[in-house]
Amino acid sequence: MPTSDDRRAAVLLLGLALLGVVIRFLIGGPGPPGAVGYQAADGDRPGRDSVAARAARLAKPLAPDEQIDVDKASAEDLTRLPRIGPVLASRIVADREDHGAFGSLEGLVRVSGVGPTLVQTVRRHVKFTGRPGPSSPDGSPRSLVSLNRATAAELLSLPGIGEGRAEAIVEYRRRHGPFRRVEDLEQVPGIGSKTVERLRNRVRIP
C-alpha cells in the first residue's frame, strides 16, 4: 500500500510533466521524440508583399497620360480601363487569342460588348502595338461579315445575333432584297438601333 510520501512524489512528478507540456506549447518547441515536423521552404511561402503590390497596382486609377496596350495586356490589366470589368476583359483576351491582334480601336469593336460609347470612354487610355490579321482578296478586313451574302450560320458569329435574329436577317433579305446600308438592319424584326451600332464595324454591305 503506497505511503503518503509515495503519493506526494507521484503528484510532484505529474505536476512536473504537465509543466513541461505547457512550456513546450508556449515556446513552440519541437514535438515529442520521433514526431515529424514540417517547415516550408522559403520558396513555398506565398509572396505576401508581391500579392499586396499587385492588388495595389490593379486598384490604382490610371494616370491621365497612362495607356494600356490592348494587344498585349492581360485580363487583369485590362480591368483597370474605365468600364472594363473582369468578364469583358476576359472576352477581349479570348478574342485576341482566337483572331489575333486588334491593331486599332476599330478592331476592338469586333468584341461582343464593345460599342461606340465604350470606345470613346477608353480612347485616351489605350494603345495598340500589334498588327491586325491579314485582309481578304478584296481588301476588306477578314473579320467583316457580308450582310447580303452571309448564311444564317455565318451571321451567328456577330455579337448579339442568335439563331432567331440570323434567320430573320436571311428571311428579310429574301423578301425585300439586299441591304443597301447597315441601318437597314433596323427593319429586321428583333433588331434595334443599339444592335446596329454594335454591328456597324463588324459587317459590310457587298
N, C-alpha and C. Protein backbone atom coordinates (compact mmCIF):
# COMPACT_ATOMS: atom_id res chain seq x y z
N MET A 1 0.86 -1.19 0.00
CA MET A 1 0.00 0.00 0.00
C MET A 1 0.89 1.23 0.00
N PRO A 2 0.66 2.17 -0.98
CA PRO A 2 1.54 3.34 -1.07
C PRO A 2 1.40 4.23 0.17
N THR A 3 2.55 4.77 0.55
CA THR A 3 2.58 5.65 1.71
C THR A 3 2.28 7.07 1.26
N SER A 4 2.18 7.98 2.22
CA SER A 4 1.92 9.38 1.92
C SER A 4 3.08 9.97 1.14
N ASP A 5 4.33 9.51 1.42
CA ASP A 5 5.49 10.02 0.66
C ASP A 5 5.41 9.60 -0.79
N ASP A 6 4.94 8.35 -1.03
CA ASP A 6 4.81 7.89 -2.40
C ASP A 6 3.79 8.72 -3.17
N ARG A 7 2.68 9.03 -2.50
CA ARG A 7 1.64 9.82 -3.16
C ARG A 7 2.14 11.23 -3.49
N ARG A 8 2.89 11.82 -2.52
CA ARG A 8 3.43 13.16 -2.79
C ARG A 8 4.41 13.14 -3.95
N ALA A 9 5.23 12.11 -4.05
CA ALA A 9 6.20 12.01 -5.14
C ALA A 9 5.49 11.86 -6.49
N ALA A 10 4.41 11.06 -6.50
CA ALA A 10 3.66 10.85 -7.74
C ALA A 10 3.02 12.15 -8.21
N VAL A 11 2.44 12.90 -7.23
CA VAL A 11 1.82 14.18 -7.57
C VAL A 11 2.86 15.15 -8.10
N LEU A 12 4.07 15.15 -7.48
CA LEU A 12 5.13 16.06 -7.92
C LEU A 12 5.57 15.74 -9.34
N LEU A 13 5.74 14.43 -9.62
CA LEU A 13 6.14 14.03 -10.96
C LEU A 13 5.09 14.40 -12.01
N LEU A 14 3.82 14.20 -11.65
CA LEU A 14 2.74 14.55 -12.57
C LEU A 14 2.71 16.05 -12.84
N GLY A 15 2.94 16.84 -11.78
CA GLY A 15 2.95 18.29 -11.94
C GLY A 15 4.10 18.74 -12.83
N LEU A 16 5.29 18.12 -12.65
CA LEU A 16 6.43 18.48 -13.49
C LEU A 16 6.18 18.12 -14.96
N ALA A 17 5.53 16.97 -15.16
CA ALA A 17 5.24 16.57 -16.54
C ALA A 17 4.28 17.55 -17.21
N LEU A 18 3.24 17.95 -16.48
CA LEU A 18 2.28 18.92 -17.02
C LEU A 18 2.94 20.26 -17.29
N LEU A 19 3.84 20.67 -16.40
CA LEU A 19 4.54 21.94 -16.58
C LEU A 19 5.40 21.90 -17.84
N GLY A 20 6.04 20.75 -18.08
CA GLY A 20 6.86 20.61 -19.27
C GLY A 20 6.03 20.73 -20.55
N VAL A 21 4.83 20.12 -20.53
CA VAL A 21 3.95 20.20 -21.70
C VAL A 21 3.52 21.64 -21.97
N VAL A 22 3.18 22.35 -20.89
CA VAL A 22 2.76 23.74 -21.03
C VAL A 22 3.88 24.59 -21.58
N ILE A 23 5.09 24.42 -21.05
CA ILE A 23 6.23 25.22 -21.51
C ILE A 23 6.53 24.94 -22.97
N ARG A 24 6.47 23.65 -23.37
CA ARG A 24 6.75 23.29 -24.76
C ARG A 24 5.71 23.91 -25.69
N PHE A 25 4.44 23.93 -25.23
CA PHE A 25 3.37 24.52 -26.05
C PHE A 25 3.56 26.02 -26.21
N LEU A 26 3.97 26.68 -25.12
CA LEU A 26 4.10 28.14 -25.15
C LEU A 26 5.27 28.59 -26.01
N ILE A 27 6.39 27.87 -25.98
CA ILE A 27 7.56 28.31 -26.73
C ILE A 27 7.58 27.72 -28.13
N GLY A 28 6.64 26.82 -28.43
CA GLY A 28 6.54 26.28 -29.79
C GLY A 28 7.72 25.40 -30.14
N GLY A 29 8.27 24.72 -29.21
CA GLY A 29 9.42 23.87 -29.45
C GLY A 29 9.04 22.63 -30.23
N PRO A 30 9.98 21.74 -30.46
CA PRO A 30 9.71 20.52 -31.21
C PRO A 30 8.78 19.60 -30.46
N GLY A 31 8.14 18.74 -31.15
CA GLY A 31 7.21 17.80 -30.55
C GLY A 31 7.95 16.73 -29.81
N PRO A 32 7.23 15.70 -29.37
CA PRO A 32 7.85 14.60 -28.64
C PRO A 32 8.84 13.87 -29.53
N PRO A 33 9.73 13.10 -28.92
CA PRO A 33 10.73 12.37 -29.72
C PRO A 33 10.05 11.53 -30.80
N GLY A 34 10.59 11.64 -32.01
CA GLY A 34 10.03 10.85 -33.11
C GLY A 34 8.95 11.57 -33.87
N ALA A 35 8.48 12.72 -33.37
CA ALA A 35 7.42 13.45 -34.07
C ALA A 35 7.98 14.05 -35.35
N VAL A 36 7.15 14.08 -36.39
CA VAL A 36 7.55 14.61 -37.69
C VAL A 36 7.07 16.04 -37.81
N GLY A 37 7.97 16.94 -38.05
CA GLY A 37 7.61 18.34 -38.22
C GLY A 37 7.81 18.75 -39.67
N TYR A 38 7.15 19.84 -40.08
CA TYR A 38 7.28 20.35 -41.45
C TYR A 38 7.53 21.83 -41.40
N GLN A 39 8.53 22.23 -42.13
CA GLN A 39 8.84 23.65 -42.24
C GLN A 39 8.92 23.99 -43.71
N ALA A 40 8.06 24.91 -44.14
CA ALA A 40 8.02 25.27 -45.56
C ALA A 40 9.30 25.95 -45.97
N ALA A 41 9.76 25.59 -47.14
CA ALA A 41 10.94 26.27 -47.68
C ALA A 41 10.58 27.70 -48.02
N ASP A 42 11.59 28.54 -48.09
CA ASP A 42 11.33 29.95 -48.37
C ASP A 42 10.59 30.14 -49.67
N GLY A 43 10.89 29.29 -50.67
CA GLY A 43 10.24 29.42 -51.97
C GLY A 43 8.79 29.01 -51.96
N ASP A 44 8.37 28.21 -50.92
CA ASP A 44 6.99 27.73 -50.86
C ASP A 44 6.05 28.72 -50.20
N ARG A 45 6.60 29.70 -49.54
CA ARG A 45 5.75 30.64 -48.83
C ARG A 45 5.14 31.65 -49.81
N PRO A 46 3.86 31.97 -49.64
CA PRO A 46 3.24 32.94 -50.56
C PRO A 46 3.89 34.30 -50.43
N GLY A 47 4.12 34.94 -51.55
CA GLY A 47 4.73 36.26 -51.53
C GLY A 47 3.71 37.31 -51.15
N ARG A 48 3.56 37.53 -49.86
CA ARG A 48 2.54 38.47 -49.41
C ARG A 48 2.80 39.87 -49.93
N ASP A 49 4.06 40.25 -49.97
CA ASP A 49 4.38 41.59 -50.45
C ASP A 49 4.01 41.75 -51.92
N SER A 50 4.32 40.71 -52.73
CA SER A 50 4.02 40.81 -54.15
C SER A 50 2.51 40.80 -54.40
N VAL A 51 1.77 40.01 -53.62
CA VAL A 51 0.32 39.98 -53.75
C VAL A 51 -0.27 41.34 -53.40
N ALA A 52 0.22 41.93 -52.32
CA ALA A 52 -0.27 43.24 -51.91
C ALA A 52 0.07 44.30 -52.96
N ALA A 53 1.29 44.21 -53.51
CA ALA A 53 1.69 45.18 -54.52
C ALA A 53 0.85 45.03 -55.78
N ARG A 54 0.54 43.78 -56.12
CA ARG A 54 -0.28 43.53 -57.30
C ARG A 54 -1.68 44.08 -57.12
N ALA A 55 -2.26 43.85 -55.93
CA ALA A 55 -3.60 44.36 -55.66
C ALA A 55 -3.62 45.88 -55.67
N ALA A 56 -2.57 46.49 -55.11
CA ALA A 56 -2.49 47.96 -55.11
C ALA A 56 -2.37 48.50 -56.53
N ARG A 57 -1.60 47.80 -57.37
CA ARG A 57 -1.43 48.26 -58.75
C ARG A 57 -2.74 48.21 -59.52
N LEU A 58 -3.49 47.12 -59.33
CA LEU A 58 -4.75 46.97 -60.06
C LEU A 58 -5.81 47.96 -59.57
N ALA A 59 -5.73 48.32 -58.29
CA ALA A 59 -6.72 49.25 -57.73
C ALA A 59 -6.36 50.71 -58.00
N LYS A 60 -5.11 50.95 -58.41
CA LYS A 60 -4.67 52.32 -58.62
C LYS A 60 -5.30 52.89 -59.89
N PRO A 61 -5.92 54.06 -59.81
CA PRO A 61 -6.52 54.68 -61.01
C PRO A 61 -5.46 54.96 -62.06
N LEU A 62 -5.87 54.94 -63.31
CA LEU A 62 -4.95 55.26 -64.40
C LEU A 62 -4.53 56.73 -64.33
N ALA A 63 -3.26 56.96 -64.56
CA ALA A 63 -2.78 58.34 -64.65
C ALA A 63 -3.34 58.97 -65.92
N PRO A 64 -3.44 60.31 -65.97
CA PRO A 64 -4.03 60.97 -67.14
C PRO A 64 -3.38 60.58 -68.46
N ASP A 65 -2.06 60.35 -68.45
CA ASP A 65 -1.37 60.02 -69.70
C ASP A 65 -1.00 58.53 -69.79
N GLU A 66 -1.50 57.72 -68.86
CA GLU A 66 -1.17 56.29 -68.86
C GLU A 66 -2.01 55.54 -69.89
N GLN A 67 -1.37 54.62 -70.60
CA GLN A 67 -2.07 53.83 -71.59
C GLN A 67 -1.77 52.34 -71.41
N ILE A 68 -2.74 51.53 -71.78
CA ILE A 68 -2.61 50.08 -71.69
C ILE A 68 -2.63 49.51 -73.10
N ASP A 69 -1.69 48.64 -73.38
CA ASP A 69 -1.59 48.03 -74.70
C ASP A 69 -2.61 46.88 -74.81
N VAL A 70 -3.70 47.12 -75.50
CA VAL A 70 -4.78 46.14 -75.59
C VAL A 70 -4.34 44.90 -76.36
N ASP A 71 -3.33 45.03 -77.20
CA ASP A 71 -2.85 43.90 -77.99
C ASP A 71 -1.93 42.97 -77.19
N LYS A 72 -1.56 43.39 -75.96
CA LYS A 72 -0.65 42.57 -75.16
C LYS A 72 -1.08 42.42 -73.71
N ALA A 73 -1.91 43.30 -73.20
CA ALA A 73 -2.25 43.33 -71.77
C ALA A 73 -3.00 42.08 -71.34
N SER A 74 -2.79 41.70 -70.09
CA SER A 74 -3.54 40.59 -69.51
C SER A 74 -4.95 41.05 -69.17
N ALA A 75 -5.80 40.09 -68.86
CA ALA A 75 -7.18 40.43 -68.48
C ALA A 75 -7.19 41.30 -67.23
N GLU A 76 -6.30 41.02 -66.30
CA GLU A 76 -6.24 41.82 -65.07
C GLU A 76 -5.89 43.27 -65.36
N ASP A 77 -4.91 43.47 -66.24
CA ASP A 77 -4.53 44.85 -66.57
C ASP A 77 -5.65 45.57 -67.32
N LEU A 78 -6.38 44.84 -68.14
CA LEU A 78 -7.47 45.46 -68.90
C LEU A 78 -8.60 45.94 -67.98
N THR A 79 -8.75 45.31 -66.82
CA THR A 79 -9.81 45.75 -65.91
C THR A 79 -9.53 47.12 -65.32
N ARG A 80 -8.32 47.62 -65.47
CA ARG A 80 -8.02 48.97 -64.98
C ARG A 80 -8.62 50.04 -65.88
N LEU A 81 -8.98 49.65 -67.10
CA LEU A 81 -9.60 50.60 -68.01
C LEU A 81 -11.02 50.92 -67.56
N PRO A 82 -11.47 52.15 -67.78
CA PRO A 82 -12.83 52.52 -67.36
C PRO A 82 -13.88 51.67 -68.08
N ARG A 83 -14.84 51.19 -67.31
CA ARG A 83 -15.98 50.43 -67.81
C ARG A 83 -15.61 49.06 -68.37
N ILE A 84 -14.38 48.59 -68.06
CA ILE A 84 -13.98 47.25 -68.46
C ILE A 84 -13.93 46.37 -67.22
N GLY A 85 -14.92 45.51 -67.06
CA GLY A 85 -14.96 44.60 -65.93
C GLY A 85 -14.24 43.29 -66.25
N PRO A 86 -14.16 42.38 -65.27
CA PRO A 86 -13.46 41.10 -65.47
C PRO A 86 -14.03 40.28 -66.63
N VAL A 87 -15.35 40.27 -66.78
CA VAL A 87 -15.96 39.45 -67.84
C VAL A 87 -15.57 39.97 -69.22
N LEU A 88 -15.71 41.29 -69.42
CA LEU A 88 -15.38 41.87 -70.72
C LEU A 88 -13.88 41.78 -70.98
N ALA A 89 -13.07 41.95 -69.94
CA ALA A 89 -11.62 41.84 -70.10
C ALA A 89 -11.24 40.44 -70.57
N SER A 90 -11.85 39.42 -69.98
CA SER A 90 -11.58 38.04 -70.39
C SER A 90 -12.04 37.80 -71.82
N ARG A 91 -13.14 38.42 -72.19
CA ARG A 91 -13.67 38.27 -73.55
C ARG A 91 -12.72 38.91 -74.57
N ILE A 92 -12.13 40.04 -74.21
CA ILE A 92 -11.18 40.72 -75.09
C ILE A 92 -9.95 39.84 -75.30
N VAL A 93 -9.42 39.28 -74.22
CA VAL A 93 -8.24 38.43 -74.32
C VAL A 93 -8.55 37.18 -75.15
N ALA A 94 -9.72 36.58 -74.93
CA ALA A 94 -10.10 35.37 -75.67
C ALA A 94 -10.22 35.67 -77.17
N ASP A 95 -10.82 36.81 -77.50
CA ASP A 95 -10.95 37.19 -78.91
C ASP A 95 -9.58 37.42 -79.54
N ARG A 96 -8.70 38.04 -78.79
CA ARG A 96 -7.34 38.31 -79.29
C ARG A 96 -6.58 37.01 -79.55
N GLU A 97 -6.78 36.03 -78.66
CA GLU A 97 -6.11 34.74 -78.84
C GLU A 97 -6.67 33.98 -80.03
N ASP A 98 -7.96 34.14 -80.28
CA ASP A 98 -8.60 33.41 -81.38
C ASP A 98 -8.38 34.07 -82.74
N HIS A 99 -8.37 35.41 -82.75
CA HIS A 99 -8.37 36.11 -84.04
C HIS A 99 -7.16 37.01 -84.26
N GLY A 100 -6.26 37.07 -83.30
CA GLY A 100 -5.07 37.91 -83.47
C GLY A 100 -5.26 39.30 -82.91
N ALA A 101 -4.23 40.11 -83.08
CA ALA A 101 -4.23 41.47 -82.53
C ALA A 101 -5.34 42.32 -83.12
N PHE A 102 -5.76 43.34 -82.35
CA PHE A 102 -6.81 44.25 -82.82
C PHE A 102 -6.25 45.32 -83.75
N GLY A 103 -5.09 45.87 -83.37
CA GLY A 103 -4.44 46.85 -84.23
C GLY A 103 -4.97 48.27 -84.10
N SER A 104 -6.20 48.42 -83.65
CA SER A 104 -6.79 49.76 -83.54
C SER A 104 -8.10 49.66 -82.78
N LEU A 105 -8.66 50.83 -82.46
CA LEU A 105 -9.97 50.85 -81.79
C LEU A 105 -11.05 50.23 -82.68
N GLU A 106 -10.91 50.44 -83.98
CA GLU A 106 -11.88 49.87 -84.91
C GLU A 106 -11.86 48.35 -84.83
N GLY A 107 -10.68 47.78 -84.63
CA GLY A 107 -10.58 46.34 -84.50
C GLY A 107 -11.15 45.84 -83.19
N LEU A 108 -11.03 46.65 -82.14
CA LEU A 108 -11.53 46.25 -80.82
C LEU A 108 -13.05 46.10 -80.81
N VAL A 109 -13.72 46.84 -81.68
CA VAL A 109 -15.18 46.81 -81.71
C VAL A 109 -15.72 45.43 -82.09
N ARG A 110 -14.86 44.59 -82.65
CA ARG A 110 -15.33 43.25 -83.02
C ARG A 110 -15.67 42.39 -81.81
N VAL A 111 -15.23 42.80 -80.63
CA VAL A 111 -15.52 42.05 -79.41
C VAL A 111 -16.94 42.33 -78.95
N SER A 112 -17.67 41.29 -78.67
CA SER A 112 -19.03 41.45 -78.18
C SER A 112 -19.03 42.22 -76.86
N GLY A 113 -19.82 43.28 -76.78
CA GLY A 113 -19.87 44.10 -75.58
C GLY A 113 -19.10 45.40 -75.70
N VAL A 114 -18.32 45.54 -76.78
CA VAL A 114 -17.58 46.78 -77.02
C VAL A 114 -18.29 47.56 -78.11
N GLY A 115 -18.80 48.72 -77.75
CA GLY A 115 -19.53 49.56 -78.69
C GLY A 115 -18.93 50.94 -78.79
N PRO A 116 -19.54 51.82 -79.58
CA PRO A 116 -19.01 53.18 -79.78
C PRO A 116 -18.85 53.97 -78.48
N THR A 117 -19.80 53.83 -77.56
CA THR A 117 -19.71 54.58 -76.31
C THR A 117 -18.51 54.15 -75.49
N LEU A 118 -18.30 52.84 -75.39
CA LEU A 118 -17.15 52.33 -74.64
C LEU A 118 -15.84 52.72 -75.32
N VAL A 119 -15.82 52.69 -76.62
CA VAL A 119 -14.63 53.08 -77.37
C VAL A 119 -14.24 54.52 -77.05
N GLN A 120 -15.21 55.41 -77.02
CA GLN A 120 -14.93 56.81 -76.70
C GLN A 120 -14.42 56.95 -75.26
N THR A 121 -14.92 56.11 -74.36
CA THR A 121 -14.53 56.19 -72.95
C THR A 121 -13.07 55.78 -72.75
N VAL A 122 -12.62 54.74 -73.46
CA VAL A 122 -11.27 54.22 -73.24
C VAL A 122 -10.24 54.79 -74.21
N ARG A 123 -10.67 55.56 -75.17
CA ARG A 123 -9.80 56.01 -76.27
C ARG A 123 -8.47 56.58 -75.77
N ARG A 124 -8.50 57.43 -74.76
CA ARG A 124 -7.27 58.11 -74.33
C ARG A 124 -6.36 57.22 -73.50
N HIS A 125 -6.87 56.06 -73.08
CA HIS A 125 -6.09 55.19 -72.19
C HIS A 125 -5.62 53.90 -72.86
N VAL A 126 -5.80 53.76 -74.16
CA VAL A 126 -5.40 52.52 -74.81
C VAL A 126 -4.42 52.79 -75.95
N LYS A 127 -3.64 51.78 -76.26
CA LYS A 127 -2.78 51.81 -77.44
C LYS A 127 -2.74 50.40 -78.02
N PHE A 128 -2.31 50.30 -79.26
CA PHE A 128 -2.29 49.03 -79.97
C PHE A 128 -0.95 48.89 -80.68
N THR A 129 -0.16 47.93 -80.24
CA THR A 129 1.16 47.72 -80.84
C THR A 129 1.18 46.49 -81.74
N GLY A 130 0.07 45.75 -81.80
CA GLY A 130 0.02 44.57 -82.64
C GLY A 130 -0.48 44.90 -84.04
N ARG A 131 -0.30 43.95 -84.92
CA ARG A 131 -0.77 44.12 -86.30
C ARG A 131 -2.00 43.26 -86.50
N PRO A 132 -3.07 43.82 -87.05
CA PRO A 132 -4.28 43.03 -87.27
C PRO A 132 -4.04 41.92 -88.28
N GLY A 133 -4.95 40.97 -88.32
CA GLY A 133 -4.82 39.83 -89.21
C GLY A 133 -4.86 40.24 -90.67
N PRO A 134 -4.52 39.31 -91.56
CA PRO A 134 -4.48 39.62 -92.99
C PRO A 134 -5.85 39.95 -93.54
N SER A 135 -5.84 40.65 -94.67
CA SER A 135 -7.09 41.05 -95.31
C SER A 135 -7.51 40.02 -96.34
N SER A 136 -8.76 40.08 -96.70
CA SER A 136 -9.28 39.21 -97.74
C SER A 136 -8.87 39.76 -99.10
N PRO A 137 -9.05 39.01 -100.18
CA PRO A 137 -8.62 39.47 -101.50
C PRO A 137 -9.18 40.82 -101.92
N ASP A 138 -10.38 41.18 -101.49
CA ASP A 138 -10.95 42.46 -101.91
C ASP A 138 -10.49 43.61 -101.03
N GLY A 139 -9.59 43.33 -100.07
CA GLY A 139 -9.01 44.39 -99.25
C GLY A 139 -9.76 44.68 -97.99
N SER A 140 -10.93 44.08 -97.78
CA SER A 140 -11.69 44.33 -96.56
C SER A 140 -11.19 43.42 -95.45
N PRO A 141 -11.33 43.86 -94.19
CA PRO A 141 -10.88 43.01 -93.10
C PRO A 141 -11.56 41.65 -93.13
N ARG A 142 -10.80 40.62 -92.82
CA ARG A 142 -11.32 39.26 -92.90
C ARG A 142 -12.45 39.02 -91.91
N SER A 143 -12.47 39.79 -90.82
CA SER A 143 -13.48 39.54 -89.79
C SER A 143 -14.85 40.10 -90.16
N LEU A 144 -14.93 40.96 -91.18
CA LEU A 144 -16.21 41.55 -91.55
C LEU A 144 -17.11 40.51 -92.22
N VAL A 145 -18.38 40.59 -91.90
CA VAL A 145 -19.37 39.66 -92.44
C VAL A 145 -20.26 40.40 -93.42
N SER A 146 -20.46 39.83 -94.57
CA SER A 146 -21.30 40.45 -95.60
C SER A 146 -22.78 40.25 -95.26
N LEU A 147 -23.50 41.34 -95.09
CA LEU A 147 -24.92 41.24 -94.77
C LEU A 147 -25.72 40.60 -95.91
N ASN A 148 -25.26 40.78 -97.12
CA ASN A 148 -26.03 40.31 -98.27
C ASN A 148 -25.58 38.94 -98.80
N ARG A 149 -24.51 38.40 -98.23
CA ARG A 149 -24.03 37.11 -98.72
C ARG A 149 -23.93 36.05 -97.63
N ALA A 150 -23.84 36.49 -96.40
CA ALA A 150 -23.62 35.55 -95.30
C ALA A 150 -24.83 34.64 -95.09
N THR A 151 -24.55 33.40 -94.75
CA THR A 151 -25.61 32.47 -94.38
C THR A 151 -26.01 32.72 -92.93
N ALA A 152 -27.08 32.09 -92.51
CA ALA A 152 -27.52 32.24 -91.12
C ALA A 152 -26.43 31.77 -90.16
N ALA A 153 -25.74 30.69 -90.52
CA ALA A 153 -24.67 30.17 -89.67
C ALA A 153 -23.52 31.17 -89.55
N GLU A 154 -23.19 31.84 -90.64
CA GLU A 154 -22.11 32.83 -90.61
C GLU A 154 -22.52 34.06 -89.82
N LEU A 155 -23.77 34.41 -89.86
CA LEU A 155 -24.26 35.57 -89.11
C LEU A 155 -24.20 35.34 -87.60
N LEU A 156 -24.18 34.09 -87.19
CA LEU A 156 -24.12 33.78 -85.76
C LEU A 156 -22.81 34.24 -85.12
N SER A 157 -21.79 34.51 -85.91
CA SER A 157 -20.52 34.97 -85.36
C SER A 157 -20.58 36.43 -84.92
N LEU A 158 -21.63 37.12 -85.28
CA LEU A 158 -21.75 38.53 -84.94
C LEU A 158 -22.26 38.71 -83.51
N PRO A 159 -21.79 39.75 -82.83
CA PRO A 159 -22.25 39.99 -81.46
C PRO A 159 -23.74 40.32 -81.40
N GLY A 160 -24.44 39.68 -80.49
CA GLY A 160 -25.86 39.96 -80.32
C GLY A 160 -26.77 39.28 -81.32
N ILE A 161 -26.22 38.43 -82.17
CA ILE A 161 -27.02 37.75 -83.19
C ILE A 161 -27.11 36.26 -82.85
N GLY A 162 -28.29 35.85 -82.43
CA GLY A 162 -28.53 34.44 -82.17
C GLY A 162 -29.21 33.80 -83.36
N GLU A 163 -29.67 32.58 -83.17
CA GLU A 163 -30.28 31.85 -84.28
C GLU A 163 -31.52 32.56 -84.82
N GLY A 164 -32.37 33.07 -83.90
CA GLY A 164 -33.59 33.74 -84.33
C GLY A 164 -33.31 34.97 -85.17
N ARG A 165 -32.39 35.82 -84.73
CA ARG A 165 -32.07 37.04 -85.47
C ARG A 165 -31.36 36.71 -86.79
N ALA A 166 -30.50 35.70 -86.77
CA ALA A 166 -29.81 35.32 -88.00
C ALA A 166 -30.81 34.87 -89.06
N GLU A 167 -31.76 34.05 -88.65
CA GLU A 167 -32.79 33.58 -89.59
C GLU A 167 -33.66 34.75 -90.07
N ALA A 168 -33.92 35.70 -89.15
CA ALA A 168 -34.73 36.86 -89.52
C ALA A 168 -34.02 37.73 -90.55
N ILE A 169 -32.70 37.86 -90.43
CA ILE A 169 -31.94 38.64 -91.41
C ILE A 169 -32.00 37.99 -92.79
N VAL A 170 -31.79 36.68 -92.82
CA VAL A 170 -31.84 35.96 -94.09
C VAL A 170 -33.24 36.05 -94.71
N GLU A 171 -34.27 35.92 -93.88
CA GLU A 171 -35.64 35.97 -94.38
C GLU A 171 -35.97 37.37 -94.91
N TYR A 172 -35.52 38.40 -94.19
CA TYR A 172 -35.76 39.78 -94.64
C TYR A 172 -35.08 40.00 -95.99
N ARG A 173 -33.87 39.50 -96.10
CA ARG A 173 -33.12 39.66 -97.36
C ARG A 173 -33.82 38.95 -98.51
N ARG A 174 -34.41 37.79 -98.22
CA ARG A 174 -35.13 37.03 -99.26
C ARG A 174 -36.38 37.75 -99.71
N ARG A 175 -37.07 38.40 -98.75
CA ARG A 175 -38.33 39.05 -99.07
C ARG A 175 -38.14 40.44 -99.69
N HIS A 176 -37.17 41.17 -99.20
CA HIS A 176 -37.03 42.58 -99.60
C HIS A 176 -35.80 42.89 -100.43
N GLY A 177 -34.99 41.90 -100.70
CA GLY A 177 -33.80 42.16 -101.48
C GLY A 177 -32.61 42.51 -100.61
N PRO A 178 -31.46 42.80 -101.20
CA PRO A 178 -30.23 43.07 -100.44
C PRO A 178 -30.30 44.36 -99.63
N PHE A 179 -29.53 44.37 -98.56
CA PHE A 179 -29.41 45.57 -97.74
C PHE A 179 -28.58 46.61 -98.52
N ARG A 180 -28.97 47.86 -98.39
CA ARG A 180 -28.23 48.93 -99.05
C ARG A 180 -27.33 49.70 -98.08
N ARG A 181 -27.63 49.59 -96.82
CA ARG A 181 -26.80 50.22 -95.79
C ARG A 181 -27.02 49.47 -94.49
N VAL A 182 -26.10 49.62 -93.56
CA VAL A 182 -26.16 48.89 -92.29
C VAL A 182 -27.42 49.25 -91.51
N GLU A 183 -27.83 50.52 -91.60
CA GLU A 183 -29.01 50.97 -90.86
C GLU A 183 -30.29 50.23 -91.27
N ASP A 184 -30.29 49.62 -92.45
CA ASP A 184 -31.47 48.86 -92.89
C ASP A 184 -31.75 47.67 -91.98
N LEU A 185 -30.76 47.26 -91.21
CA LEU A 185 -30.97 46.15 -90.29
C LEU A 185 -32.07 46.44 -89.27
N GLU A 186 -32.32 47.72 -89.00
CA GLU A 186 -33.37 48.08 -88.05
C GLU A 186 -34.75 47.68 -88.55
N GLN A 187 -34.87 47.37 -89.83
CA GLN A 187 -36.13 46.92 -90.40
C GLN A 187 -36.38 45.44 -90.11
N VAL A 188 -35.35 44.75 -89.66
CA VAL A 188 -35.48 43.33 -89.35
C VAL A 188 -36.10 43.18 -87.97
N PRO A 189 -37.15 42.37 -87.82
CA PRO A 189 -37.78 42.17 -86.52
C PRO A 189 -36.77 41.69 -85.47
N GLY A 190 -36.77 42.37 -84.33
CA GLY A 190 -35.89 41.97 -83.23
C GLY A 190 -34.57 42.69 -83.21
N ILE A 191 -34.30 43.53 -84.19
CA ILE A 191 -33.02 44.26 -84.24
C ILE A 191 -33.29 45.75 -84.12
N GLY A 192 -32.69 46.37 -83.11
CA GLY A 192 -32.88 47.79 -82.88
C GLY A 192 -31.61 48.58 -83.14
N SER A 193 -31.66 49.85 -82.82
CA SER A 193 -30.54 50.75 -83.10
C SER A 193 -29.29 50.37 -82.32
N LYS A 194 -29.45 49.89 -81.08
CA LYS A 194 -28.27 49.52 -80.29
C LYS A 194 -27.54 48.34 -80.91
N THR A 195 -28.30 47.38 -81.39
CA THR A 195 -27.66 46.23 -82.05
C THR A 195 -26.96 46.66 -83.32
N VAL A 196 -27.56 47.56 -84.06
CA VAL A 196 -26.95 48.05 -85.29
C VAL A 196 -25.61 48.73 -84.99
N GLU A 197 -25.55 49.51 -83.91
CA GLU A 197 -24.30 50.18 -83.56
C GLU A 197 -23.22 49.16 -83.20
N ARG A 198 -23.62 48.09 -82.55
CA ARG A 198 -22.65 47.05 -82.20
C ARG A 198 -22.13 46.33 -83.44
N LEU A 199 -22.95 46.27 -84.47
CA LEU A 199 -22.58 45.54 -85.68
C LEU A 199 -21.91 46.42 -86.73
N ARG A 200 -21.94 47.71 -86.55
CA ARG A 200 -21.53 48.64 -87.60
C ARG A 200 -20.11 48.33 -88.11
N ASN A 201 -19.20 48.05 -87.21
CA ASN A 201 -17.81 47.79 -87.62
C ASN A 201 -17.51 46.30 -87.75
N ARG A 202 -18.55 45.50 -87.77
CA ARG A 202 -18.36 44.05 -87.92
C ARG A 202 -18.96 43.51 -89.21
N VAL A 203 -19.68 44.37 -89.93
CA VAL A 203 -20.36 43.90 -91.14
C VAL A 203 -20.04 44.81 -92.32
N ARG A 204 -20.29 44.30 -93.50
CA ARG A 204 -20.13 45.09 -94.72
C ARG A 204 -21.33 44.80 -95.63
N ILE A 205 -21.59 45.69 -96.55
CA ILE A 205 -22.73 45.54 -97.44
C ILE A 205 -22.43 44.63 -98.64
N PRO A 206 -21.30 44.83 -99.38
CA PRO A 206 -21.03 43.99 -100.56
C PRO A 206 -20.95 42.52 -100.19
